[in-house]
Amino acid sequence: MEEAEKIIVYTSFDNVIAANIAKTKLDAYGIPCFLTEENFTGLYPLMNNLFPGVRLHVFEKDFDRAQEILTTIE
């Protein structure tokens, strides 16, 4: 039986739009990823300073490539 790949939180965003832009970039380059806490952030925008915001998750093995994509490609 194969060992499951570890999923990590790459980063978090203050708003859903920025998170979805980052997710779309990674999707375009074939990096599997997903977002969590989207609804909570949208429902309680004034409480974003208390919570981590919208979280972008990637496989740990894809972290370096995701960082390269999100920091160098506009």
PDB file of N, CA and C in Angstrom:
ATOM      1  N   MET A   1       0.841  -1.173   0.000  1.00  0.00           N
ATOM      2  CA  MET A   1       0.000   0.000   0.000  1.00  0.00           C
ATOM      3  C   MET A   1       0.898   1.251   0.000  1.00  0.00           C
ATOM      4  N   GLU A   2       0.573   2.200  -0.863  1.00  0.00           N
ATOM      5  CA  GLU A   2       1.366   3.419  -0.967  1.00  0.00           C
ATOM      6  C   GLU A   2       1.046   4.383   0.173  1.00  0.00           C
ATOM      7  N   GLU A   3       2.064   5.125   0.561  1.00  0.00           N
ATOM      8  CA  GLU A   3       1.872   6.135   1.594  1.00  0.00           C
ATOM      9  C   GLU A   3       1.221   7.365   0.976  1.00  0.00           C
ATOM     10  N   ALA A   4       0.262   7.949   1.673  1.00  0.00           N
ATOM     11  CA  ALA A   4      -0.437   9.141   1.167  1.00  0.00           C
ATOM     12  C   ALA A   4       0.513  10.335   1.134  1.00  0.00           C
ATOM     13  N   GLU A   5       0.346  11.169   0.120  1.00  0.00           N
ATOM     14  CA  GLU A   5       1.157  12.372   0.027  1.00  0.00           C
ATOM     15  C   GLU A   5       0.635  13.412   1.014  1.00  0.00           C
ATOM     16  N   LYS A   6       1.548  14.144   1.594  1.00  0.00           N
ATOM     17  CA  LYS A   6       1.182  15.130   2.608  1.00  0.00           C
ATOM     18  C   LYS A   6       0.680  16.417   1.946  1.00  0.00           C
ATOM     19  N   ILE A   7      -0.449  16.916   2.431  1.00  0.00           N
ATOM     20  CA  ILE A   7      -1.018  18.183   1.968  1.00  0.00           C
ATOM     21  C   ILE A   7      -0.695  19.239   3.017  1.00  0.00           C
ATOM     22  N   ILE A   8      -0.231  20.397   2.552  1.00  0.00           N
ATOM     23  CA  ILE A   8       0.130  21.483   3.466  1.00  0.00           C
ATOM     24  C   ILE A   8      -0.598  22.772   3.076  1.00  0.00           C
ATOM     25  N   VAL A   9      -0.652  23.708   4.001  1.00  0.00           N
ATOM     26  CA  VAL A   9      -1.176  25.040   3.698  1.00  0.00           C
ATOM     27  C   VAL A   9      -0.020  25.833   3.106  1.00  0.00           C
ATOM     28  N   TYR A  10      -0.148  26.209   1.836  1.00  0.00           N
ATOM     29  CA  TYR A  10       0.900  26.989   1.190  1.00  0.00           C
ATOM     30  C   TYR A  10       0.917  28.411   1.753  1.00  0.00           C
ATOM     31  N   THR A  11      -0.252  29.031   1.774  1.00  0.00           N
ATOM     32  CA  THR A  11      -0.387  30.385   2.317  1.00  0.00           C
ATOM     33  C   THR A  11      -1.862  30.656   2.577  1.00  0.00           C
ATOM     34  N   SER A  12      -2.155  31.818   3.130  1.00  0.00           N
ATOM     35  CA  SER A  12      -3.549  32.233   3.316  1.00  0.00           C
ATOM     36  C   SER A  12      -3.715  33.643   2.769  1.00  0.00           C
ATOM     37  N   PHE A  13      -4.944  33.970   2.412  1.00  0.00           N
ATOM     38  CA  PHE A  13      -5.269  35.243   1.782  1.00  0.00           C
ATOM     39  C   PHE A  13      -6.350  35.951   2.578  1.00  0.00           C
ATOM     40  N   ASP A  14      -6.336  37.277   2.496  1.00  0.00           N
ATOM     41  CA  ASP A  14      -7.340  38.078   3.187  1.00  0.00           C
ATOM     42  C   ASP A  14      -8.694  38.067   2.488  1.00  0.00           C
ATOM     43  N   ASN A  15      -8.693  37.762   1.191  1.00  0.00           N
ATOM     44  CA  ASN A  15      -9.972  37.769   0.475  1.00  0.00           C
ATOM     45  C   ASN A  15     -10.046  36.623  -0.526  1.00  0.00           C
ATOM     46  N   VAL A  16     -11.251  36.282  -0.884  1.00  0.00           N
ATOM     47  CA  VAL A  16     -11.525  35.143  -1.758  1.00  0.00           C
ATOM     48  C   VAL A  16     -10.993  35.391  -3.171  1.00  0.00           C
ATOM     49  N   ILE A  17     -11.054  36.618  -3.648  1.00  0.00           N
ATOM     50  CA  ILE A  17     -10.621  36.916  -5.017  1.00  0.00           C
ATOM     51  C   ILE A  17      -9.130  36.629  -5.179  1.00  0.00           C
ATOM     52  N   ALA A  18      -8.305  37.133  -4.289  1.00  0.00           N
ATOM     53  CA  ALA A  18      -6.861  36.892  -4.375  1.00  0.00           C
ATOM     54  C   ALA A  18      -6.550  35.398  -4.279  1.00  0.00           C
ATOM     55  N   ALA A  19      -7.264  34.699  -3.422  1.00  0.00           N
ATOM     56  CA  ALA A  19      -7.053  33.260  -3.266  1.00  0.00           C
ATOM     57  C   ALA A  19      -7.400  32.513  -4.551  1.00  0.00           C
ATOM     58  N   ASN A  20      -8.499  32.885  -5.173  1.00  0.00           N
ATOM     59  CA  ASN A  20      -8.907  32.218  -6.409  1.00  0.00           C
ATOM     60  C   ASN A  20      -7.966  32.535  -7.567  1.00  0.00           C
ATOM     61  N   ILE A  21      -7.403  33.725  -7.603  1.00  0.00           N
ATOM     62  CA  ILE A  21      -6.420  34.058  -8.646  1.00  0.00           C
ATOM     63  C   ILE A  21      -5.197  33.160  -8.494  1.00  0.00           C
ATOM     64  N   ALA A  22      -4.710  33.004  -7.275  1.00  0.00           N
ATOM     65  CA  ALA A  22      -3.555  32.135  -7.029  1.00  0.00           C
ATOM     66  C   ALA A  22      -3.878  30.687  -7.394  1.00  0.00           C
ATOM     67  N   LYS A  23      -5.055  30.224  -7.012  1.00  0.00           N
ATOM     68  CA  LYS A  23      -5.470  28.851  -7.331  1.00  0.00           C
ATOM     69  C   LYS A  23      -5.536  28.657  -8.842  1.00  0.00           C
ATOM     70  N   THR A  24      -6.074  29.625  -9.559  1.00  0.00           N
ATOM     71  CA  THR A  24      -6.192  29.535 -11.010  1.00  0.00           C
ATOM     72  C   THR A  24      -4.822  29.461 -11.670  1.00  0.00           C
ATOM     73  N   LYS A  25      -3.864  30.244 -11.164  1.00  0.00           N
ATOM     74  CA  LYS A  25      -2.497  30.187 -11.697  1.00  0.00           C
ATOM     75  C   LYS A  25      -1.898  28.798 -11.516  1.00  0.00           C
ATOM     76  N   LEU A  26      -2.054  28.250 -10.312  1.00  0.00           N
ATOM     77  CA  LEU A  26      -1.507  26.917 -10.062  1.00  0.00           C
ATOM     78  C   LEU A  26      -2.205  25.867 -10.909  1.00  0.00           C
ATOM     79  N   ASP A  27      -3.514  25.969 -11.041  1.00  0.00           N
ATOM     80  CA  ASP A  27      -4.265  25.041 -11.891  1.00  0.00           C
ATOM     81  C   ASP A  27      -3.751  25.093 -13.328  1.00  0.00           C
ATOM     82  N   ALA A  28      -3.470  26.294 -13.819  1.00  0.00           N
ATOM     83  CA  ALA A  28      -3.003  26.459 -15.199  1.00  0.00           C
ATOM     84  C   ALA A  28      -1.657  25.776 -15.436  1.00  0.00           C
ATOM     85  N   TYR A  29      -0.854  25.653 -14.394  1.00  0.00           N
ATOM     86  CA  TYR A  29       0.446  24.998 -14.500  1.00  0.00           C
ATOM     87  C   TYR A  29       0.414  23.548 -14.035  1.00  0.00           C
ATOM     88  N   GLY A  30      -0.778  23.021 -13.813  1.00  0.00           N
ATOM     89  CA  GLY A  30      -0.924  21.611 -13.458  1.00  0.00           C
ATOM     90  C   GLY A  30      -0.562  21.269 -12.027  1.00  0.00           C
ATOM     91  N   ILE A  31      -0.574  22.264 -11.135  1.00  0.00           N
ATOM     92  CA  ILE A  31      -0.295  22.018  -9.721  1.00  0.00           C
ATOM     93  C   ILE A  31      -1.626  21.783  -9.007  1.00  0.00           C
ATOM     94  N   PRO A  32      -1.869  20.577  -8.506  1.00  0.00           N
ATOM     95  CA  PRO A  32      -3.116  20.321  -7.791  1.00  0.00           C
ATOM     96  C   PRO A  32      -3.180  21.157  -6.514  1.00  0.00           C
ATOM     97  N   CYS A  33      -4.313  21.793  -6.294  1.00  0.00           N
ATOM     98  CA  CYS A  33      -4.478  22.620  -5.106  1.00  0.00           C
ATOM     99  C   CYS A  33      -5.963  22.801  -4.818  1.00  0.00           C
ATOM    100  N   PHE A  34      -6.250  23.289  -3.614  1.00  0.00           N
ATOM    101  CA  PHE A  34      -7.637  23.597  -3.263  1.00  0.00           C
ATOM    102  C   PHE A  34      -7.655  24.669  -2.183  1.00  0.00           C
ATOM    103  N   LEU A  35      -8.801  25.307  -2.031  1.00  0.00           N
ATOM    104  CA  LEU A  35      -8.989  26.368  -1.043  1.00  0.00           C
ATOM    105  C   LEU A  35      -9.908  25.897   0.075  1.00  0.00           C
ATOM    106  N   THR A  36      -9.667  26.407   1.279  1.00  0.00           N
ATOM    107  CA  THR A  36     -10.587  26.181   2.397  1.00  0.00           C
ATOM    108  C   THR A  36     -10.875  27.510   3.074  1.00  0.00           C
ATOM    109  N   GLU A  37     -11.918  27.541   3.855  1.00  0.00           N
ATOM    110  CA  GLU A  37     -12.354  28.727   4.613  1.00  0.00           C
ATOM    111  C   GLU A  37     -12.866  29.852   3.709  1.00  0.00           C
ATOM    112  N   GLU A  38     -13.232  29.525   2.469  1.00  0.00           N
ATOM    113  CA  GLU A  38     -13.748  30.553   1.549  1.00  0.00           C
ATOM    114  C   GLU A  38     -15.036  31.178   2.061  1.00  0.00           C
ATOM    115  N   ASN A  39     -15.971  30.351   2.455  1.00  0.00           N
ATOM    116  CA  ASN A  39     -17.279  30.847   2.881  1.00  0.00           C
ATOM    117  C   ASN A  39     -17.190  31.636   4.180  1.00  0.00           C
ATOM    118  N   PHE A  40     -16.405  31.160   5.111  1.00  0.00           N
ATOM    119  CA  PHE A  40     -16.295  31.839   6.399  1.00  0.00           C
ATOM    120  C   PHE A  40     -15.747  33.250   6.221  1.00  0.00           C
ATOM    121  N   THR A  41     -14.725  33.379   5.393  1.00  0.00           N
ATOM    122  CA  THR A  41     -14.119  34.688   5.155  1.00  0.00           C
ATOM    123  C   THR A  41     -15.107  35.637   4.486  1.00  0.00           C
ATOM    124  N   GLY A  42     -15.915  35.111   3.579  1.00  0.00           N
ATOM    125  CA  GLY A  42     -16.906  35.935   2.904  1.00  0.00           C
ATOM    126  C   GLY A  42     -18.062  36.344   3.811  1.00  0.00           C
ATOM    127  N   LEU A  43     -18.438  35.450   4.711  1.00  0.00           N
ATOM    128  CA  LEU A  43     -19.567  35.731   5.596  1.00  0.00           C
ATOM    129  C   LEU A  43     -19.208  36.700   6.719  1.00  0.00           C
ATOM    130  N   TYR A  44     -17.959  36.658   7.171  1.00  0.00           N
ATOM    131  CA  TYR A  44     -17.534  37.483   8.300  1.00  0.00           C
ATOM    132  C   TYR A  44     -16.294  38.298   7.946  1.00  0.00           C
ATOM    133  N   PRO A  45     -16.391  39.215   6.979  1.00  0.00           N
ATOM    134  CA  PRO A  45     -15.203  39.950   6.531  1.00  0.00           C
ATOM    135  C   PRO A  45     -14.575  40.832   7.606  1.00  0.00           C
ATOM    136  N   LEU A  46     -15.351  41.286   8.555  1.00  0.00           N
ATOM    137  CA  LEU A  46     -14.807  42.145   9.603  1.00  0.00           C
ATOM    138  C   LEU A  46     -14.012  41.367  10.646  1.00  0.00           C
ATOM    139  N   MET A  47     -14.130  40.056  10.625  1.00  0.00           N
ATOM    140  CA  MET A  47     -13.433  39.223  11.598  1.00  0.00           C
ATOM    141  C   MET A  47     -12.175  38.586  11.002  1.00  0.00           C
ATOM    142  N   ASN A  48     -11.770  39.009   9.802  1.00  0.00           N
ATOM    143  CA  ASN A  48     -10.613  38.400   9.141  1.00  0.00           C
ATOM    144  C   ASN A  48      -9.330  38.544   9.951  1.00  0.00           C
ATOM    145  N   ASN A  49      -9.240  39.565  10.783  1.00  0.00           N
ATOM    146  CA  ASN A  49      -8.030  39.719  11.589  1.00  0.00           C
ATOM    147  C   ASN A  49      -7.951  38.668  12.702  1.00  0.00           C
ATOM    148  N   LEU A  50      -9.056  37.996  13.007  1.00  0.00           N
ATOM    149  CA  LEU A  50      -9.068  36.955  14.039  1.00  0.00           C
ATOM    150  C   LEU A  50      -8.825  35.566  13.473  1.00  0.00           C
ATOM    151  N   PHE A  51      -9.035  35.402  12.181  1.00  0.00           N
ATOM    152  CA  PHE A  51      -8.951  34.093  11.549  1.00  0.00           C
ATOM    153  C   PHE A  51      -7.906  34.126  10.441  1.00  0.00           C
ATOM    154  N   PRO A  52      -7.391  32.968  10.068  1.00  0.00           N
ATOM    155  CA  PRO A  52      -6.289  32.934   9.096  1.00  0.00           C
ATOM    156  C   PRO A  52      -6.664  33.324   7.677  1.00  0.00           C
ATOM    157  N   GLY A  53      -7.919  33.432   7.356  1.00  0.00           N
ATOM    158  CA  GLY A  53      -8.333  33.795   6.006  1.00  0.00           C
ATOM    159  C   GLY A  53      -8.523  32.571   5.124  1.00  0.00           C
ATOM    160  N   VAL A  54      -8.581  32.802   3.826  1.00  0.00           N
ATOM    161  CA  VAL A  54      -8.759  31.724   2.855  1.00  0.00           C
ATOM    162  C   VAL A  54      -7.422  31.012   2.705  1.00  0.00           C
ATOM    163  N   ARG A  55      -7.418  29.705   2.896  1.00  0.00           N
ATOM    164  CA  ARG A  55      -6.183  28.933   2.868  1.00  0.00           C
ATOM    165  C   ARG A  55      -6.020  28.220   1.525  1.00  0.00           C
ATOM    166  N   LEU A  56      -4.821  28.307   0.988  1.00  0.00           N
ATOM    167  CA  LEU A  56      -4.471  27.614  -0.250  1.00  0.00           C
ATOM    168  C   LEU A  56      -3.622  26.404   0.116  1.00  0.00           C
ATOM    169  N   HIS A  57      -4.106  25.210  -0.233  1.00  0.00           N
ATOM    170  CA  HIS A  57      -3.435  23.958   0.092  1.00  0.00           C
ATOM    171  C   HIS A  57      -2.805  23.358  -1.157  1.00  0.00           C
ATOM    172  N   VAL A  58      -1.598  22.810  -0.997  1.00  0.00           N
ATOM    173  CA  VAL A  58      -0.903  22.097  -2.076  1.00  0.00           C
ATOM    174  C   VAL A  58      -0.271  20.846  -1.485  1.00  0.00           C
ATOM    175  N   PHE A  59       0.138  19.931  -2.365  1.00  0.00           N
ATOM    176  CA  PHE A  59       0.921  18.795  -1.900  1.00  0.00           C
ATOM    177  C   PHE A  59       2.299  19.310  -1.504  1.00  0.00           C
ATOM    178  N   GLU A  60       2.851  18.745  -0.453  1.00  0.00           N
ATOM    179  CA  GLU A  60       4.153  19.182   0.029  1.00  0.00           C
ATOM    180  C   GLU A  60       5.222  19.094  -1.067  1.00  0.00           C
ATOM    181  N   LYS A  61       5.133  18.080  -1.907  1.00  0.00           N
ATOM    182  CA  LYS A  61       6.111  17.912  -2.985  1.00  0.00           C
ATOM    183  C   LYS A  61       6.024  19.021  -4.033  1.00  0.00           C
ATOM    184  N   ASP A  62       4.903  19.725  -4.108  1.00  0.00           N
ATOM    185  CA  ASP A  62       4.703  20.798  -5.086  1.00  0.00           C
ATOM    186  C   ASP A  62       4.991  22.187  -4.527  1.00  0.00           C
ATOM    187  N   PHE A  63       5.401  22.270  -3.273  1.00  0.00           N
ATOM    188  CA  PHE A  63       5.586  23.571  -2.625  1.00  0.00           C
ATOM    189  C   PHE A  63       6.548  24.478  -3.396  1.00  0.00           C
ATOM    190  N   ASP A  64       7.721  23.973  -3.738  1.00  0.00           N
ATOM    191  CA  ASP A  64       8.723  24.812  -4.412  1.00  0.00           C
ATOM    192  C   ASP A  64       8.229  25.303  -5.768  1.00  0.00           C
ATOM    193  N   ARG A  65       7.605  24.428  -6.522  1.00  0.00           N
ATOM    194  CA  ARG A  65       7.082  24.822  -7.838  1.00  0.00           C
ATOM    195  C   ARG A  65       5.962  25.846  -7.677  1.00  0.00           C
ATOM    196  N   ALA A  66       5.084  25.656  -6.711  1.00  0.00           N
ATOM    197  CA  ALA A  66       3.999  26.614  -6.461  1.00  0.00           C
ATOM    198  C   ALA A  66       4.571  27.975  -6.090  1.00  0.00           C
ATOM    199  N   GLN A  67       5.597  27.976  -5.265  1.00  0.00           N
ATOM    200  CA  GLN A  67       6.222  29.231  -4.857  1.00  0.00           C
ATOM    201  C   GLN A  67       6.831  29.932  -6.066  1.00  0.00           C
ATOM    202  N   GLU A  68       7.479  29.178  -6.916  1.00  0.00           N
ATOM    203  CA  GLU A  68       8.071  29.745  -8.133  1.00  0.00           C
ATOM    204  C   GLU A  68       7.001  30.371  -9.020  1.00  0.00           C
ATOM    205  N   ILE A  69       5.910  29.672  -9.197  1.00  0.00           N
ATOM    206  CA  ILE A  69       4.817  30.159 -10.048  1.00  0.00           C
ATOM    207  C   ILE A  69       4.184  31.420  -9.457  1.00  0.00           C
ATOM    208  N   LEU A  70       3.882  31.389  -8.193  1.00  0.00           N
ATOM    209  CA  LEU A  70       3.157  32.513  -7.582  1.00  0.00           C
ATOM    210  C   LEU A  70       4.016  33.726  -7.300  1.00  0.00           C
ATOM    211  N   THR A  71       5.323  33.581  -7.254  1.00  0.00           N
ATOM    212  CA  THR A  71       6.162  34.731  -6.969  1.00  0.00           C
ATOM    213  C   THR A  71       6.812  35.337  -8.210  1.00  0.00           C
ATOM    214  N   THR A  72       6.884  34.582  -9.316  1.00  0.00           N
ATOM    215  CA  THR A  72       7.562  35.113 -10.497  1.00  0.00           C
ATOM    216  C   THR A  72       6.642  35.384 -11.663  1.00  0.00           C
ATOM    217  N   ILE A  73       5.493  34.776 -11.703  1.00  0.00           N
ATOM    218  CA  ILE A  73       4.593  34.917 -12.849  1.00  0.00           C
ATOM    219  C   ILE A  73       3.451  35.841 -12.466  1.00  0.00           C
ATOM    220  N   GLU A  74       3.327  36.921 -13.185  1.00  0.00           N
ATOM    221  CA  GLU A  74       2.264  37.899 -12.895  1.00  0.00           C
ATOM    222  C   GLU A  74       1.065  37.641 -13.733  1.00  0.00           C
TER     223      GLU A  74
END
